[in-house]
Amino acid sequence: MPKKIPEYLNYFLQDCLKWDEQFSKKPMFSWYAIYKNKKVFCFYLNDVIYFKVWKNNIDDYKKFNSKPFQFTKKDWKIWMLSYYELPEELLENREELDIWIEKSLEVESKKSKK
C-alpha cells in the first residue's frame, strides 16, 4: 500500500512547487527526498522542509535564523547535515523559492564534481 503523503508536504509539492514532471519525490523511512530533474535539493521530515546548503547559500538561511537539520546518534553525539529549514516566508513567493531551489541544486552539482 502506498504511503499517505502528509498534508504539509502535499501543500509544499502542489501549491508551492506547482508539481510537474520536473519534480519527483521518494519516501525514505520517515522522510521524503524531493528532486528537481533527478537531483535532490531538499527533504521533508516532521512537517519541516529542509533545503541543501553550502557556501553559496548558507547566508540566505542565516538571515532568516533558520535552523540546521541535526539529530542525536545512539552515542549521544549531535550530527548536523548540510540542510537548513526553509523559511516559511518563501512558501508563497514562487519566484524567490525558485532561486533558493536553484542555489540548492548548485550545491548538488558542485559536490558531484569533486
PDB file of N, CA and C in Angstrom:
ATOM      1  N   MET A   1       0.842  -1.184   0.000  1.00  0.00           N
ATOM      2  CA  MET A   1       0.000   0.000   0.000  1.00  0.00           C
ATOM      3  C   MET A   1       0.888   1.250   0.000  1.00  0.00           C
ATOM      4  N   PRO A   2       0.619   2.198  -0.891  1.00  0.00           N
ATOM      5  CA  PRO A   2       1.426   3.426  -0.942  1.00  0.00           C
ATOM      6  C   PRO A   2       1.299   4.227   0.353  1.00  0.00           C
ATOM      7  N   LYS A   3       2.385   4.853   0.703  1.00  0.00           N
ATOM      8  CA  LYS A   3       2.435   5.676   1.901  1.00  0.00           C
ATOM      9  C   LYS A   3       1.610   6.946   1.683  1.00  0.00           C
ATOM     10  N   LYS A   4       0.770   7.306   2.672  1.00  0.00           N
ATOM     11  CA  LYS A   4      -0.038   8.530   2.584  1.00  0.00           C
ATOM     12  C   LYS A   4       0.879   9.742   2.727  1.00  0.00           C
ATOM     13  N   ILE A   5       0.745  10.680   1.813  1.00  0.00           N
ATOM     14  CA  ILE A   5       1.575  11.883   1.831  1.00  0.00           C
ATOM     15  C   ILE A   5       1.040  12.831   2.905  1.00  0.00           C
ATOM     16  N   PRO A   6       1.902  13.275   3.812  1.00  0.00           N
ATOM     17  CA  PRO A   6       1.457  14.217   4.847  1.00  0.00           C
ATOM     18  C   PRO A   6       0.896  15.503   4.238  1.00  0.00           C
ATOM     19  N   GLU A   7      -0.039  16.106   4.928  1.00  0.00           N
ATOM     20  CA  GLU A   7      -0.740  17.289   4.427  1.00  0.00           C
ATOM     21  C   GLU A   7       0.209  18.449   4.120  1.00  0.00           C
ATOM     22  N   TYR A   8       1.146  18.717   5.007  1.00  0.00           N
ATOM     23  CA  TYR A   8       2.071  19.839   4.793  1.00  0.00           C
ATOM     24  C   TYR A   8       2.973  19.586   3.585  1.00  0.00           C
ATOM     25  N   LEU A   9       3.427  18.357   3.421  1.00  0.00           N
ATOM     26  CA  LEU A   9       4.247  18.012   2.259  1.00  0.00           C
ATOM     27  C   LEU A   9       3.430  18.170   0.983  1.00  0.00           C
ATOM     28  N   ASN A  10       2.199  17.719   1.003  1.00  0.00           N
ATOM     29  CA  ASN A  10       1.335  17.863  -0.167  1.00  0.00           C
ATOM     30  C   ASN A  10       1.136  19.344  -0.523  1.00  0.00           C
ATOM     31  N   TYR A  11       0.950  20.178   0.493  1.00  0.00           N
ATOM     32  CA  TYR A  11       0.839  21.627   0.270  1.00  0.00           C
ATOM     33  C   TYR A  11       2.111  22.157  -0.406  1.00  0.00           C
ATOM     34  N   PHE A  12       3.273  21.774   0.093  1.00  0.00           N
ATOM     35  CA  PHE A  12       4.531  22.230  -0.481  1.00  0.00           C
ATOM     36  C   PHE A  12       4.662  21.785  -1.943  1.00  0.00           C
ATOM     37  N   LEU A  13       4.358  20.530  -2.194  1.00  0.00           N
ATOM     38  CA  LEU A  13       4.506  19.993  -3.552  1.00  0.00           C
ATOM     39  C   LEU A  13       3.502  20.594  -4.525  1.00  0.00           C
ATOM     40  N   GLN A  14       2.241  20.591  -4.153  1.00  0.00           N
ATOM     41  CA  GLN A  14       1.185  21.016  -5.075  1.00  0.00           C
ATOM     42  C   GLN A  14       1.033  22.535  -5.165  1.00  0.00           C
ATOM     43  N   ASP A  15       0.989  23.201  -4.030  1.00  0.00           N
ATOM     44  CA  ASP A  15       0.698  24.641  -4.021  1.00  0.00           C
ATOM     45  C   ASP A  15       1.948  25.495  -4.206  1.00  0.00           C
ATOM     46  N   CYS A  16       3.028  25.104  -3.575  1.00  0.00           N
ATOM     47  CA  CYS A  16       4.249  25.934  -3.628  1.00  0.00           C
ATOM     48  C   CYS A  16       5.095  25.626  -4.860  1.00  0.00           C
ATOM     49  N   LEU A  17       5.299  24.347  -5.140  1.00  0.00           N
ATOM     50  CA  LEU A  17       6.122  23.983  -6.297  1.00  0.00           C
ATOM     51  C   LEU A  17       5.334  23.878  -7.594  1.00  0.00           C
ATOM     52  N   LYS A  18       4.017  23.831  -7.489  1.00  0.00           N
ATOM     53  CA  LYS A  18       3.175  23.618  -8.679  1.00  0.00           C
ATOM     54  C   LYS A  18       3.647  22.358  -9.414  1.00  0.00           C
ATOM     55  N   TRP A  19       3.697  21.283  -8.665  1.00  0.00           N
ATOM     56  CA  TRP A  19       4.211  19.975  -9.058  1.00  0.00           C
ATOM     57  C   TRP A  19       4.011  19.679 -10.541  1.00  0.00           C
ATOM     58  N   ASP A  20       5.102  19.348 -11.223  1.00  0.00           N
ATOM     59  CA  ASP A  20       5.037  18.921 -12.614  1.00  0.00           C
ATOM     60  C   ASP A  20       6.110  17.861 -12.845  1.00  0.00           C
ATOM     61  N   GLU A  21       6.336  17.492 -14.110  1.00  0.00           N
ATOM     62  CA  GLU A  21       7.224  16.366 -14.427  1.00  0.00           C
ATOM     63  C   GLU A  21       8.690  16.602 -14.059  1.00  0.00           C
ATOM     64  N   GLN A  22       9.103  17.845 -13.832  1.00  0.00           N
ATOM     65  CA  GLN A  22      10.494  18.095 -13.460  1.00  0.00           C
ATOM     66  C   GLN A  22      10.773  17.733 -11.995  1.00  0.00           C
ATOM     67  N   PHE A  23       9.718  17.622 -11.194  1.00  0.00           N
ATOM     68  CA  PHE A  23       9.871  17.285  -9.774  1.00  0.00           C
ATOM     69  C   PHE A  23       9.510  15.829  -9.525  1.00  0.00           C
ATOM     70  N   SER A  24      10.149  15.261  -8.518  1.00  0.00           N
ATOM     71  CA  SER A  24       9.793  13.917  -8.069  1.00  0.00           C
ATOM     72  C   SER A  24      10.080  13.822  -6.581  1.00  0.00           C
ATOM     73  N   LYS A  25       9.530  12.802  -5.958  1.00  0.00           N
ATOM     74  CA  LYS A  25       9.747  12.576  -4.534  1.00  0.00           C
ATOM     75  C   LYS A  25       9.986  11.099  -4.299  1.00  0.00           C
ATOM     76  N   LYS A  26      10.671  10.808  -3.217  1.00  0.00           N
ATOM     77  CA  LYS A  26      10.962   9.417  -2.896  1.00  0.00           C
ATOM     78  C   LYS A  26      10.857   9.248  -1.386  1.00  0.00           C
ATOM     79  N   PRO A  27       9.938   8.388  -0.934  1.00  0.00           N
ATOM     80  CA  PRO A  27       9.854   8.150   0.511  1.00  0.00           C
ATOM     81  C   PRO A  27      11.092   7.387   0.997  1.00  0.00           C
ATOM     82  N   MET A  28      11.636   7.831   2.116  1.00  0.00           N
ATOM     83  CA  MET A  28      12.836   7.224   2.684  1.00  0.00           C
ATOM     84  C   MET A  28      12.600   7.056   4.189  1.00  0.00           C
ATOM     85  N   PHE A  29      12.087   5.918   4.607  1.00  0.00           N
ATOM     86  CA  PHE A  29      11.768   5.675   6.011  1.00  0.00           C
ATOM     87  C   PHE A  29      10.749   6.706   6.492  1.00  0.00           C
ATOM     88  N   SER A  30      11.130   7.619   7.382  1.00  0.00           N
ATOM     89  CA  SER A  30      10.168   8.581   7.928  1.00  0.00           C
ATOM     90  C   SER A  30      10.239   9.942   7.230  1.00  0.00           C
ATOM     91  N   TRP A  31      10.994  10.058   6.160  1.00  0.00           N
ATOM     92  CA  TRP A  31      11.135  11.329   5.462  1.00  0.00           C
ATOM     93  C   TRP A  31      10.986  11.126   3.965  1.00  0.00           C
ATOM     94  N   TYR A  32      10.945  12.236   3.228  1.00  0.00           N
ATOM     95  CA  TYR A  32      10.851  12.206   1.772  1.00  0.00           C
ATOM     96  C   TYR A  32      11.987  13.032   1.180  1.00  0.00           C
ATOM     97  N   ALA A  33      12.673  12.497   0.199  1.00  0.00           N
ATOM     98  CA  ALA A  33      13.630  13.269  -0.590  1.00  0.00           C
ATOM     99  C   ALA A  33      12.851  13.887  -1.746  1.00  0.00           C
ATOM    100  N   ILE A  34      13.178  15.146  -2.077  1.00  0.00           N
ATOM    101  CA  ILE A  34      12.487  15.846  -3.162  1.00  0.00           C
ATOM    102  C   ILE A  34      13.524  16.253  -4.200  1.00  0.00           C
ATOM    103  N   TYR A  35      13.219  15.955  -5.451  1.00  0.00           N
ATOM    104  CA  TYR A  35      14.155  16.129  -6.559  1.00  0.00           C
ATOM    105  C   TYR A  35      13.595  17.103  -7.591  1.00  0.00           C
ATOM    106  N   LYS A  36      14.511  17.770  -8.266  1.00  0.00           N
ATOM    107  CA  LYS A  36      14.167  18.522  -9.479  1.00  0.00           C
ATOM    108  C   LYS A  36      15.100  18.011 -10.555  1.00  0.00           C
ATOM    109  N   ASN A  37      14.536  17.529 -11.627  1.00  0.00           N
ATOM    110  CA  ASN A  37      15.319  16.947 -12.729  1.00  0.00           C
ATOM    111  C   ASN A  37      16.330  15.921 -12.212  1.00  0.00           C
ATOM    112  N   LYS A  38      15.847  15.060 -11.332  1.00  0.00           N
ATOM    113  CA  LYS A  38      16.593  13.918 -10.785  1.00  0.00           C
ATOM    114  C   LYS A  38      17.745  14.298  -9.858  1.00  0.00           C
ATOM    115  N   LYS A  39      17.777  15.551  -9.386  1.00  0.00           N
ATOM    116  CA  LYS A  39      18.781  15.990  -8.416  1.00  0.00           C
ATOM    117  C   LYS A  39      18.064  16.389  -7.136  1.00  0.00           C
ATOM    118  N   VAL A  40      18.502  15.824  -6.027  1.00  0.00           N
ATOM    119  CA  VAL A  40      17.874  16.156  -4.749  1.00  0.00           C
ATOM    120  C   VAL A  40      18.265  17.574  -4.335  1.00  0.00           C
ATOM    121  N   PHE A  41      17.277  18.336  -3.888  1.00  0.00           N
ATOM    122  CA  PHE A  41      17.555  19.688  -3.400  1.00  0.00           C
ATOM    123  C   PHE A  41      17.000  19.910  -2.001  1.00  0.00           C
ATOM    124  N   CYS A  42      16.099  19.036  -1.569  1.00  0.00           N
ATOM    125  CA  CYS A  42      15.563  19.206  -0.227  1.00  0.00           C
ATOM    126  C   CYS A  42      14.953  17.901   0.256  1.00  0.00           C
ATOM    127  N   PHE A  43      14.578  17.906   1.533  1.00  0.00           N
ATOM    128  CA  PHE A  43      13.824  16.782   2.057  1.00  0.00           C
ATOM    129  C   PHE A  43      12.806  17.279   3.067  1.00  0.00           C
ATOM    130  N   TYR A  44      11.822  16.430   3.319  1.00  0.00           N
ATOM    131  CA  TYR A  44      10.733  16.718   4.240  1.00  0.00           C
ATOM    132  C   TYR A  44      10.798  15.738   5.392  1.00  0.00           C
ATOM    133  N   LEU A  45      10.660  16.256   6.616  1.00  0.00           N
ATOM    134  CA  LEU A  45      10.603  15.406   7.802  1.00  0.00           C
ATOM    135  C   LEU A  45       9.821  16.135   8.880  1.00  0.00           C
ATOM    136  N   ASN A  46       8.803  15.494   9.411  1.00  0.00           N
ATOM    137  CA  ASN A  46       8.025  16.031  10.535  1.00  0.00           C
ATOM    138  C   ASN A  46       7.522  17.459  10.300  1.00  0.00           C
ATOM    139  N   ASP A  47       6.912  17.679   9.163  1.00  0.00           N
ATOM    140  CA  ASP A  47       6.335  18.979   8.807  1.00  0.00           C
ATOM    141  C   ASP A  47       7.351  20.105   8.701  1.00  0.00           C
ATOM    142  N   VAL A  48       8.565  19.762   8.341  1.00  0.00           N
ATOM    143  CA  VAL A  48       9.601  20.759   8.075  1.00  0.00           C
ATOM    144  C   VAL A  48      10.249  20.415   6.736  1.00  0.00           C
ATOM    145  N   ILE A  49      10.466  21.454   5.918  1.00  0.00           N
ATOM    146  CA  ILE A  49      11.176  21.305   4.649  1.00  0.00           C
ATOM    147  C   ILE A  49      12.600  21.790   4.880  1.00  0.00           C
ATOM    148  N   TYR A  50      13.571  20.948   4.546  1.00  0.00           N
ATOM    149  CA  TYR A  50      14.987  21.286   4.695  1.00  0.00           C
ATOM    150  C   TYR A  50      15.630  21.361   3.312  1.00  0.00           C
ATOM    151  N   PHE A  51      16.295  22.474   3.033  1.00  0.00           N
ATOM    152  CA  PHE A  51      16.999  22.656   1.761  1.00  0.00           C
ATOM    153  C   PHE A  51      18.496  22.436   1.954  1.00  0.00           C
ATOM    154  N   LYS A  52      19.116  21.935   0.908  1.00  0.00           N
ATOM    155  CA  LYS A  52      20.562  21.704   0.900  1.00  0.00           C
ATOM    156  C   LYS A  52      21.294  23.040   0.906  1.00  0.00           C
ATOM    157  N   VAL A  53      22.321  23.140   1.745  1.00  0.00           N
ATOM    158  CA  VAL A  53      23.086  24.388   1.843  1.00  0.00           C
ATOM    159  C   VAL A  53      24.581  24.119   1.700  1.00  0.00           C
ATOM    160  N   TRP A  54      25.276  25.204   1.344  1.00  0.00           N
ATOM    161  CA  TRP A  54      26.727  25.190   1.220  1.00  0.00           C
ATOM    162  C   TRP A  54      27.196  26.633   1.246  1.00  0.00           C
ATOM    163  N   LYS A  55      28.412  26.881   0.865  1.00  0.00           N
ATOM    164  CA  LYS A  55      28.956  28.245   0.890  1.00  0.00           C
ATOM    165  C   LYS A  55      28.127  29.228   0.069  1.00  0.00           C
ATOM    166  N   ASN A  56      27.578  28.770  -1.039  1.00  0.00           N
ATOM    167  CA  ASN A  56      26.849  29.661  -1.942  1.00  0.00           C
ATOM    168  C   ASN A  56      25.503  30.139  -1.410  1.00  0.00           C
ATOM    169  N   ASN A  57      24.943  29.468  -0.388  1.00  0.00           N
ATOM    170  CA  ASN A  57      23.615  29.875   0.063  1.00  0.00           C
ATOM    171  C   ASN A  57      23.412  29.864   1.577  1.00  0.00           C
ATOM    172  N   ILE A  58      24.392  29.542   2.354  1.00  0.00           N
ATOM    173  CA  ILE A  58      24.220  29.458   3.811  1.00  0.00           C
ATOM    174  C   ILE A  58      23.777  30.789   4.415  1.00  0.00           C
ATOM    175  N   ASP A  59      24.306  31.892   3.906  1.00  0.00           N
ATOM    176  CA  ASP A  59      23.943  33.205   4.455  1.00  0.00           C
ATOM    177  C   ASP A  59      22.465  33.529   4.263  1.00  0.00           C
ATOM    178  N   ASP A  60      21.868  33.022   3.199  1.00  0.00           N
ATOM    179  CA  ASP A  60      20.434  33.234   2.972  1.00  0.00           C
ATOM    180  C   ASP A  60      19.621  32.676   4.148  1.00  0.00           C
ATOM    181  N   TYR A  61      19.999  31.513   4.618  1.00  0.00           N
ATOM    182  CA  TYR A  61      19.283  30.856   5.712  1.00  0.00           C
ATOM    183  C   TYR A  61      19.564  31.536   7.042  1.00  0.00           C
ATOM    184  N   LYS A  62      20.774  31.963   7.221  1.00  0.00           N
ATOM    185  CA  LYS A  62      21.139  32.645   8.471  1.00  0.00           C
ATOM    186  C   LYS A  62      20.390  33.960   8.625  1.00  0.00           C
ATOM    187  N   LYS A  63      20.110  34.644   7.531  1.00  0.00           N
ATOM    188  CA  LYS A  63      19.341  35.898   7.593  1.00  0.00           C
ATOM    189  C   LYS A  63      17.945  35.673   8.165  1.00  0.00           C
ATOM    190  N   PHE A  64      17.415  34.478   7.955  1.00  0.00           N
ATOM    191  CA  PHE A  64      16.088  34.133   8.458  1.00  0.00           C
ATOM    192  C   PHE A  64      16.145  33.374   9.790  1.00  0.00           C
ATOM    193  N   ASN A  65      17.352  33.241  10.339  1.00  0.00           N
ATOM    194  CA  ASN A  65      17.547  32.465  11.570  1.00  0.00           C
ATOM    195  C   ASN A  65      17.058  31.024  11.435  1.00  0.00           C
ATOM    196  N   SER A  66      17.217  30.462  10.250  1.00  0.00           N
ATOM    197  CA  SER A  66      16.839  29.066  10.018  1.00  0.00           C
ATOM    198  C   SER A  66      17.761  28.145  10.815  1.00  0.00           C
ATOM    199  N   LYS A  67      17.209  27.019  11.171  1.00  0.00           N
ATOM    200  CA  LYS A  67      17.984  26.053  11.953  1.00  0.00           C
ATOM    201  C   LYS A  67      18.479  24.922  11.055  1.00  0.00           C
ATOM    202  N   PRO A  68      19.671  24.418  11.343  1.00  0.00           N
ATOM    203  CA  PRO A  68      20.167  23.280  10.558  1.00  0.00           C
ATOM    204  C   PRO A  68      19.452  22.001  10.967  1.00  0.00           C
ATOM    205  N   PHE A  69      19.423  21.056  10.062  1.00  0.00           N
ATOM    206  CA  PHE A  69      18.910  19.738  10.418  1.00  0.00           C
ATOM    207  C   PHE A  69      19.970  19.047  11.261  1.00  0.00           C
ATOM    208  N   GLN A  70      19.573  18.566  12.410  1.00  0.00           N
ATOM    209  CA  GLN A  70      20.504  17.837  13.264  1.00  0.00           C
ATOM    210  C   GLN A  70      19.775  16.710  13.964  1.00  0.00           C
ATOM    211  N   PHE A  71      20.528  15.726  14.379  1.00  0.00           N
ATOM    212  CA  PHE A  71      19.947  14.608  15.103  1.00  0.00           C
ATOM    213  C   PHE A  71      20.988  14.063  16.067  1.00  0.00           C
ATOM    214  N   THR A  72      20.513  13.328  17.041  1.00  0.00           N
ATOM    215  CA  THR A  72      21.398  12.734  18.039  1.00  0.00           C
ATOM    216  C   THR A  72      21.541  11.252  17.733  1.00  0.00           C
ATOM    217  N   LYS A  73      22.766  10.815  17.642  1.00  0.00           N
ATOM    218  CA  LYS A  73      23.031   9.398  17.383  1.00  0.00           C
ATOM    219  C   LYS A  73      22.961   8.616  18.693  1.00  0.00           C
ATOM    220  N   LYS A  74      23.047   7.311  18.605  1.00  0.00           N
ATOM    221  CA  LYS A  74      22.954   6.456  19.782  1.00  0.00           C
ATOM    222  C   LYS A  74      24.033   6.754  20.820  1.00  0.00           C
ATOM    223  N   ASP A  75      25.174   7.248  20.362  1.00  0.00           N
ATOM    224  CA  ASP A  75      26.263   7.575  21.297  1.00  0.00           C
ATOM    225  C   ASP A  75      26.104   8.979  21.887  1.00  0.00           C
ATOM    226  N   TRP A  76      24.938   9.609  21.652  1.00  0.00           N
ATOM    227  CA  TRP A  76      24.585  10.939  22.166  1.00  0.00           C
ATOM    228  C   TRP A  76      25.359  12.074  21.504  1.00  0.00           C
ATOM    229  N   LYS A  77      26.055  11.791  20.427  1.00  0.00           N
ATOM    230  CA  LYS A  77      26.716  12.851  19.671  1.00  0.00           C
ATOM    231  C   LYS A  77      25.685  13.482  18.740  1.00  0.00           C
ATOM    232  N   ILE A  78      25.757  14.803  18.633  1.00  0.00           N
ATOM    233  CA  ILE A  78      24.837  15.524  17.752  1.00  0.00           C
ATOM    234  C   ILE A  78      25.484  15.655  16.380  1.00  0.00           C
ATOM    235  N   TRP A  79      24.741  15.260  15.367  1.00  0.00           N
ATOM    236  CA  TRP A  79      25.212  15.340  13.985  1.00  0.00           C
ATOM    237  C   TRP A  79      24.380  16.386  13.251  1.00  0.00           C
ATOM    238  N   MET A  80      25.046  17.185  12.465  1.00  0.00           N
ATOM    239  CA  MET A  80      24.358  18.163  11.630  1.00  0.00           C
ATOM    240  C   MET A  80      24.651  17.834  10.170  1.00  0.00           C
ATOM    241  N   LEU A  81      23.622  17.890   9.375  1.00  0.00           N
ATOM    242  CA  LEU A  81      23.784  17.688   7.938  1.00  0.00           C
ATOM    243  C   LEU A  81      23.741  19.051   7.264  1.00  0.00           C
ATOM    244  N   SER A  82      24.160  19.111   6.034  1.00  0.00           N
ATOM    245  CA  SER A  82      24.198  20.395   5.321  1.00  0.00           C
ATOM    246  C   SER A  82      22.826  20.725   4.716  1.00  0.00           C
ATOM    247  N   TYR A  83      21.830  20.716   5.585  1.00  0.00           N
ATOM    248  CA  TYR A  83      20.460  21.087   5.231  1.00  0.00           C
ATOM    249  C   TYR A  83      19.928  22.035   6.304  1.00  0.00           C
ATOM    250  N   TYR A  84      19.212  23.076   5.859  1.00  0.00           N
ATOM    251  CA  TYR A  84      18.605  24.032   6.782  1.00  0.00           C
ATOM    252  C   TYR A  84      17.117  24.139   6.503  1.00  0.00           C
ATOM    253  N   GLU A  85      16.370  24.535   7.543  1.00  0.00           N
ATOM    254  CA  GLU A  85      14.936  24.738   7.391  1.00  0.00           C
ATOM    255  C   GLU A  85      14.652  25.815   6.352  1.00  0.00           C
ATOM    256  N   LEU A  86      13.705  25.547   5.498  1.00  0.00           N
ATOM    257  CA  LEU A  86      13.259  26.553   4.540  1.00  0.00           C
ATOM    258  C   LEU A  86      12.382  27.562   5.278  1.00  0.00           C
ATOM    259  N   PRO A  87      12.704  28.844   5.212  1.00  0.00           N
ATOM    260  CA  PRO A  87      11.850  29.848   5.871  1.00  0.00           C
ATOM    261  C   PRO A  87      10.434  29.832   5.284  1.00  0.00           C
ATOM    262  N   GLU A  88       9.453  29.853   6.155  1.00  0.00           N
ATOM    263  CA  GLU A  88       8.054  29.798   5.712  1.00  0.00           C
ATOM    264  C   GLU A  88       7.674  30.978   4.826  1.00  0.00           C
ATOM    265  N   GLU A  89       8.355  32.100   4.992  1.00  0.00           N
ATOM    266  CA  GLU A  89       8.050  33.285   4.187  1.00  0.00           C
ATOM    267  C   GLU A  89       8.219  33.028   2.693  1.00  0.00           C
ATOM    268  N   LEU A  90       9.015  32.029   2.347  1.00  0.00           N
ATOM    269  CA  LEU A  90       9.273  31.753   0.929  1.00  0.00           C
ATOM    270  C   LEU A  90       8.210  30.885   0.276  1.00  0.00           C
ATOM    271  N   LEU A  91       7.381  30.257   1.073  1.00  0.00           N
ATOM    272  CA  LEU A  91       6.402  29.325   0.522  1.00  0.00           C
ATOM    273  C   LEU A  91       5.419  29.987  -0.436  1.00  0.00           C
ATOM    274  N   GLU A  92       5.078  31.221  -0.193  1.00  0.00           N
ATOM    275  CA  GLU A  92       4.109  31.917  -1.030  1.00  0.00           C
ATOM    276  C   GLU A  92       4.765  32.805  -2.090  1.00  0.00           C
ATOM    277  N   ASN A  93       6.074  32.751  -2.198  1.00  0.00           N
ATOM    278  CA  ASN A  93       6.793  33.582  -3.162  1.00  0.00           C
ATOM    279  C   ASN A  93       7.517  32.660  -4.142  1.00  0.00           C
ATOM    280  N   ARG A  94       6.840  32.281  -5.189  1.00  0.00           N
ATOM    281  CA  ARG A  94       7.361  31.280  -6.118  1.00  0.00           C
ATOM    282  C   ARG A  94       8.654  31.726  -6.791  1.00  0.00           C
ATOM    283  N   GLU A  95       8.764  32.990  -7.142  1.00  0.00           N
ATOM    284  CA  GLU A  95       9.986  33.462  -7.811  1.00  0.00           C
ATOM    285  C   GLU A  95      11.199  33.307  -6.890  1.00  0.00           C
ATOM    286  N   GLU A  96      11.043  33.719  -5.651  1.00  0.00           N
ATOM    287  CA  GLU A  96      12.143  33.606  -4.687  1.00  0.00           C
ATOM    288  C   GLU A  96      12.415  32.137  -4.361  1.00  0.00           C
ATOM    289  N   LEU A  97      11.367  31.348  -4.231  1.00  0.00           N
ATOM    290  CA  LEU A  97      11.525  29.923  -3.962  1.00  0.00           C
ATOM    291  C   LEU A  97      12.323  29.255  -5.084  1.00  0.00           C
ATOM    292  N   ASP A  98      12.054  29.617  -6.313  1.00  0.00           N
ATOM    293  CA  ASP A  98      12.801  29.071  -7.449  1.00  0.00           C
ATOM    294  C   ASP A  98      14.296  29.398  -7.349  1.00  0.00           C
ATOM    295  N   ILE A  99      14.605  30.599  -6.903  1.00  0.00           N
ATOM    296  CA  ILE A  99      16.016  30.994  -6.730  1.00  0.00           C
ATOM    297  C   ILE A  99      16.675  30.120  -5.670  1.00  0.00           C
ATOM    298  N   TRP A 100      15.983  29.901  -4.573  1.00  0.00           N
ATOM    299  CA  TRP A 100      16.539  29.075  -3.489  1.00  0.00           C
ATOM    300  C   TRP A 100      16.697  27.620  -3.942  1.00  0.00           C
ATOM    301  N   ILE A 101      15.765  27.128  -4.739  1.00  0.00           N
ATOM    302  CA  ILE A 101      15.879  25.771  -5.282  1.00  0.00           C
ATOM    303  C   ILE A 101      17.125  25.675  -6.156  1.00  0.00           C
ATOM    304  N   GLU A 102      17.314  26.643  -7.028  1.00  0.00           N
ATOM    305  CA  GLU A 102      18.480  26.617  -7.927  1.00  0.00           C
ATOM    306  C   GLU A 102      19.791  26.678  -7.141  1.00  0.00           C
ATOM    307  N   LYS A 103      19.829  27.467  -6.093  1.00  0.00           N
ATOM    308  CA  LYS A 103      21.038  27.530  -5.266  1.00  0.00           C
ATOM    309  C   LYS A 103      21.309  26.186  -4.595  1.00  0.00           C
ATOM    310  N   SER A 104      20.265  25.505  -4.160  1.00  0.00           N
ATOM    311  CA  SER A 104      20.448  24.176  -3.559  1.00  0.00           C
ATOM    312  C   SER A 104      20.885  23.157  -4.600  1.00  0.00           C
ATOM    313  N   LEU A 105      20.395  23.297  -5.810  1.00  0.00           N
ATOM    314  CA  LEU A 105      20.829  22.412  -6.890  1.00  0.00           C
ATOM    315  C   LEU A 105      22.293  22.670  -7.257  1.00  0.00           C
ATOM    316  N   GLU A 106      22.742  23.897  -7.143  1.00  0.00           N
ATOM    317  CA  GLU A 106      24.169  24.205  -7.367  1.00  0.00           C
ATOM    318  C   GLU A 106      25.039  23.453  -6.372  1.00  0.00           C
ATOM    319  N   VAL A 107      24.574  23.328  -5.145  1.00  0.00           N
ATOM    320  CA  VAL A 107      25.312  22.573  -4.129  1.00  0.00           C
ATOM    321  C   VAL A 107      25.493  21.143  -4.601  1.00  0.00           C
ATOM    322  N   GLU A 108      24.435  20.542  -5.077  1.00  0.00           N
ATOM    323  CA  GLU A 108      24.482  19.162  -5.577  1.00  0.00           C
ATOM    324  C   GLU A 108      25.475  19.050  -6.728  1.00  0.00           C
ATOM    325  N   SER A 109      25.452  20.011  -7.641  1.00  0.00           N
ATOM    326  CA  SER A 109      26.352  19.979  -8.796  1.00  0.00           C
ATOM    327  C   SER A 109      27.814  20.122  -8.376  1.00  0.00           C
ATOM    328  N   LYS A 110      28.085  21.031  -7.462  1.00  0.00           N
ATOM    329  CA  LYS A 110      29.465  21.253  -7.009  1.00  0.00           C
ATOM    330  C   LYS A 110      30.007  20.047  -6.276  1.00  0.00           C
ATOM    331  N   LYS A 111      29.164  19.404  -5.465  1.00  0.00           N
ATOM    332  CA  LYS A 111      29.624  18.241  -4.717  1.00  0.00           C
ATOM    333  C   LYS A 111      29.853  17.044  -5.626  1.00  0.00           C
ATOM    334  N   SER A 112      29.031  16.908  -6.659  1.00  0.00           N
ATOM    335  CA  SER A 112      29.182  15.757  -7.552  1.00  0.00           C
ATOM    336  C   SER A 112      30.407  15.894  -8.463  1.00  0.00           C
ATOM    337  N   LYS A 113      30.929  17.133  -8.640  1.00  0.00           N
ATOM    338  CA  LYS A 113      32.110  17.343  -9.471  1.00  0.00           C
ATOM    339  C   LYS A 113      33.408  16.992  -8.747  1.00  0.00           C
ATOM    340  N   LYS A 114      33.338  16.909  -7.413  1.00  0.00           N
ATOM    341  CA  LYS A 114      34.560  16.615  -6.639  1.00  0.00           C
ATOM    342  C   LYS A 114      35.012  15.183  -6.810  1.00  0.00           C
TER     343      LYS A 114
END
